[in-house]
Amino acid sequence: MIDYIVRFLDGNIYLFLLVIPFLGQLGIPGSMFFVLYAGSQANNYNDLFVFFIIVLISEIAGDLLSYGVGRLFWEKALVKRILHYKRIKKVFDKSKLFMEDKGGVSIFLSRFLVTGIGASVNYISGLELYSLKRFAFFVVTGEILYSVELLFLGYFFKETFEEIANLFTNFSTLIILGLVLYIIWKNAFRMSPSGNA
């Protein structure tokens, strides 16, 4: 399968670097592989710099679009109608508090460490009307790290880029699984106000 994809990409790398990372920030998985592959195809640091600029622009454009979609949903009557239900409003209120408290860290880390939740964080940031300036700052800094990290890994490990792609995919999956298990554990063993389990 990987060999087929590599043959397909050959000669179309710039197009794929514009499209695939952009779509990744909208929630379509797989951009990590393409960025690693681009790094493995660079012949020198000039190629890496060109790939870096293309990936960075593509990722940031995707982040801003998904943020805008979230914001658009907030501005439409649909979300405001949903908020009439008290239970859903509580969830939105908790989400708003979380974004105010830890939104920047969440946005930043979801760019390069826990990439699987990046698109969701973008949409939530828009829905919660998180500051666009702050969002853009954390997105740009995180995407710079992400692009440099993956392109250089692909470049320095040209011979084994398939293994590196699998490693990153598995690492992100493990972090997400760990977060989910932590949330389940925390909710399952939450102490009541009286101190009883």
Protein backbone atom coordinates (compact mmCIF):
# COMPACT_ATOMS: atom_id res chain seq x y z
CA MET A 1 0.00 0.00 0.00
CA ILE A 2 2.76 2.45 0.96
CA ASP A 3 4.59 1.72 -2.32
CA TYR A 4 1.46 2.57 -4.30
CA ILE A 5 1.02 5.86 -2.43
CA VAL A 6 4.68 6.78 -2.96
CA ARG A 7 4.41 6.14 -6.72
CA PHE A 8 1.24 8.21 -6.84
CA LEU A 9 2.87 11.12 -5.00
CA ASP A 10 5.95 11.15 -7.19
CA GLY A 11 5.91 14.40 -9.15
CA ASN A 12 2.86 15.79 -7.32
CA ILE A 13 4.45 16.57 -3.98
CA TYR A 14 3.82 20.34 -4.02
CA LEU A 15 0.14 19.86 -4.80
CA PHE A 16 -0.25 17.29 -2.04
CA LEU A 17 1.60 19.49 0.44
CA LEU A 18 -0.88 22.27 -0.27
CA VAL A 19 -3.99 20.12 -0.07
CA ILE A 20 -3.45 17.27 2.41
CA PRO A 21 -2.23 19.26 5.46
CA PHE A 22 -5.05 21.76 4.84
CA LEU A 23 -7.62 18.94 4.88
CA GLY A 24 -5.95 17.47 7.96
CA GLN A 25 -6.83 20.58 9.93
CA LEU A 26 -10.44 20.14 8.90
CA GLY A 27 -10.48 16.65 10.41
CA ILE A 28 -9.41 14.37 7.55
CA PRO A 29 -6.58 12.14 8.83
CA GLY A 30 -3.34 11.29 7.08
CA SER A 31 -1.47 14.56 6.67
CA MET A 32 1.36 13.47 8.96
CA PHE A 33 2.43 10.78 6.50
CA PHE A 34 2.56 13.25 3.60
CA VAL A 35 4.65 15.77 5.53
CA LEU A 36 7.08 13.03 6.56
CA TYR A 37 7.21 11.83 2.98
CA ALA A 38 7.97 15.35 1.74
CA GLY A 39 10.85 15.58 4.18
CA SER A 40 12.21 12.29 2.89
CA GLN A 41 12.11 13.63 -0.68
CA ALA A 42 14.09 16.80 0.06
CA ASN A 43 17.55 16.81 -1.47
CA ASN A 44 18.92 19.71 0.57
CA TYR A 45 17.99 22.38 3.09
CA ASN A 46 16.59 24.65 0.37
CA ASP A 47 14.04 21.96 -0.53
CA LEU A 48 13.21 21.58 3.15
CA PHE A 49 12.64 25.32 3.49
CA VAL A 50 10.28 25.39 0.50
CA PHE A 51 8.37 22.37 1.88
CA PHE A 52 8.25 24.04 5.30
CA ILE A 53 6.67 27.22 3.89
CA ILE A 54 4.10 25.25 1.87
CA VAL A 55 3.14 23.01 4.81
CA LEU A 56 2.99 25.93 7.23
CA ILE A 57 0.69 27.97 4.96
CA SER A 58 -1.51 24.94 4.28
CA GLU A 59 -1.83 23.99 7.96
CA ILE A 60 -2.56 27.52 9.16
CA ALA A 61 -5.17 28.04 6.44
CA GLY A 62 -6.89 24.80 7.48
CA ASP A 63 -6.77 25.78 11.16
CA LEU A 64 -8.31 29.17 10.46
CA LEU A 65 -11.03 27.70 8.25
CA SER A 66 -12.09 25.13 10.86
CA TYR A 67 -12.03 27.86 13.54
CA GLY A 68 -14.21 29.99 11.25
CA VAL A 69 -16.65 27.12 10.73
CA GLY A 70 -16.99 26.72 14.50
CA ARG A 71 -17.58 30.44 14.88
CA LEU A 72 -20.13 30.39 12.07
CA PHE A 73 -22.09 27.64 13.84
CA TRP A 74 -22.16 29.79 16.97
CA GLU A 75 -23.48 32.76 15.05
CA LYS A 76 -26.24 30.72 13.44
CA ALA A 77 -29.48 30.26 15.29
CA LEU A 78 -29.01 26.46 15.40
CA VAL A 79 -26.52 26.54 18.29
CA LYS A 80 -28.45 29.20 20.14
CA ARG A 81 -31.58 27.04 19.92
CA ILE A 82 -29.68 24.02 21.21
CA LEU A 83 -28.51 26.05 24.22
CA HIS A 84 -32.10 26.31 25.46
CA TYR A 85 -31.66 22.77 26.75
CA LYS A 86 -30.16 23.09 30.24
CA ARG A 87 -28.05 19.94 30.03
CA ILE A 88 -26.39 21.00 26.76
CA LYS A 89 -25.92 24.54 28.07
CA LYS A 90 -24.00 23.12 31.05
CA VAL A 91 -21.63 21.34 28.68
CA PHE A 92 -21.10 24.55 26.70
CA ASP A 93 -20.49 26.50 29.92
CA LYS A 94 -17.88 23.97 31.05
CA SER A 95 -16.26 24.05 27.64
CA LYS A 96 -16.15 27.85 27.74
CA LEU A 97 -14.44 27.82 31.16
CA PHE A 98 -11.94 25.21 29.96
CA MET A 99 -11.08 27.26 26.87
CA GLU A 100 -10.61 30.39 28.97
CA ASP A 101 -8.38 28.54 31.42
CA LYS A 102 -6.43 26.06 29.27
CA GLY A 103 -7.37 26.94 25.69
CA GLY A 104 -3.95 28.24 24.67
CA VAL A 105 -2.12 25.17 25.93
CA SER A 106 -4.68 22.89 24.29
CA ILE A 107 -4.38 24.65 20.96
CA PHE A 108 -0.58 24.68 21.08
CA LEU A 109 -0.15 21.02 22.08
CA SER A 110 -2.75 19.79 19.61
CA ARG A 111 -0.66 21.17 16.76
CA PHE A 112 2.39 18.94 17.21
CA LEU A 113 2.07 16.60 20.19
CA VAL A 114 -1.50 15.29 20.11
CA THR A 115 -2.29 15.97 16.46
CA GLY A 116 -5.34 13.71 16.35
CA ILE A 117 -7.47 16.24 18.23
CA GLY A 118 -6.26 19.36 16.41
CA ALA A 119 -9.30 19.76 14.17
CA SER A 120 -11.70 19.27 17.09
CA VAL A 121 -9.87 21.90 19.12
CA ASN A 122 -10.13 24.29 16.15
CA TYR A 123 -13.90 23.84 15.89
CA ILE A 124 -14.38 24.13 19.66
CA SER A 125 -12.26 27.29 19.75
CA GLY A 126 -14.53 28.85 17.15
CA LEU A 127 -17.71 27.67 18.88
CA GLU A 128 -16.53 29.06 22.20
CA LEU A 129 -15.61 32.39 20.58
CA TYR A 130 -12.00 32.02 21.70
CA SER A 131 -9.98 35.11 20.79
CA LEU A 132 -8.89 34.88 17.15
CA LYS A 133 -5.59 36.65 17.89
CA ARG A 134 -4.70 34.23 20.67
CA PHE A 135 -5.87 31.28 18.58
CA ALA A 136 -3.72 32.41 15.64
CA PHE A 137 -0.68 32.90 17.89
CA PHE A 138 -0.87 29.40 19.37
CA VAL A 139 -1.65 27.86 15.98
CA VAL A 140 1.30 29.50 14.24
CA THR A 141 3.80 28.61 16.97
CA GLY A 142 2.53 25.04 17.21
CA GLU A 143 2.44 24.54 13.44
CA ILE A 144 6.01 25.81 13.10
CA LEU A 145 7.14 23.12 15.53
CA TYR A 146 5.01 20.49 13.81
CA SER A 147 6.30 21.30 10.32
CA VAL A 148 9.96 21.48 11.35
CA GLU A 149 9.67 18.32 13.43
CA LEU A 150 8.13 16.16 10.70
CA LEU A 151 10.08 17.53 7.75
CA PHE A 152 13.41 17.08 9.51
CA LEU A 153 12.47 13.60 10.69
CA GLY A 154 11.59 12.66 7.13
CA TYR A 155 14.81 14.24 5.84
CA PHE A 156 17.19 12.67 8.35
CA PHE A 157 15.53 9.26 8.27
CA LYS A 158 14.93 9.02 4.52
CA GLU A 159 15.61 5.32 4.46
CA THR A 160 13.09 4.53 7.16
CA PHE A 161 10.38 7.17 6.76
CA GLU A 162 7.64 4.50 6.79
CA GLU A 163 8.69 3.39 10.27
CA ILE A 164 8.84 7.00 11.46
CA ALA A 165 5.31 7.64 10.11
CA ASN A 166 4.02 4.59 11.97
CA LEU A 167 5.82 5.68 15.14
CA PHE A 168 4.23 9.15 15.12
CA THR A 169 0.80 7.78 14.31
CA ASN A 170 1.02 5.24 17.13
CA PHE A 171 2.42 7.86 19.55
CA SER A 172 -0.48 10.25 18.91
CA THR A 173 -2.95 7.38 19.27
CA LEU A 174 -1.38 6.35 22.59
CA ILE A 175 -1.59 9.90 23.95
CA ILE A 176 -5.26 10.20 22.95
CA LEU A 177 -6.01 6.79 24.46
CA GLY A 178 -4.20 7.83 27.65
CA LEU A 179 -6.25 11.03 27.89
CA VAL A 180 -9.51 9.14 27.35
CA LEU A 181 -8.58 6.56 30.00
CA TYR A 182 -7.59 9.33 32.42
CA ILE A 183 -10.94 11.10 31.91
CA ILE A 184 -12.83 7.82 32.41
CA TRP A 185 -10.79 7.01 35.52
CA LYS A 186 -11.25 10.52 36.92
CA ASN A 187 -15.02 10.41 36.37
CA ALA A 188 -15.37 6.83 37.66
CA PHE A 189 -13.52 7.53 40.90
CA ARG A 190 -14.56 11.13 41.44
CA MET A 191 -15.01 11.93 45.09
CA SER A 192 -18.38 13.27 46.16
CA PRO A 193 -18.48 16.59 48.09
CA SER A 194 -18.87 14.70 51.37
CA GLY A 195 -15.59 12.85 50.73
CA ASN A 196 -17.12 9.46 49.93
CA ALA A 197 -16.33 7.66 46.69
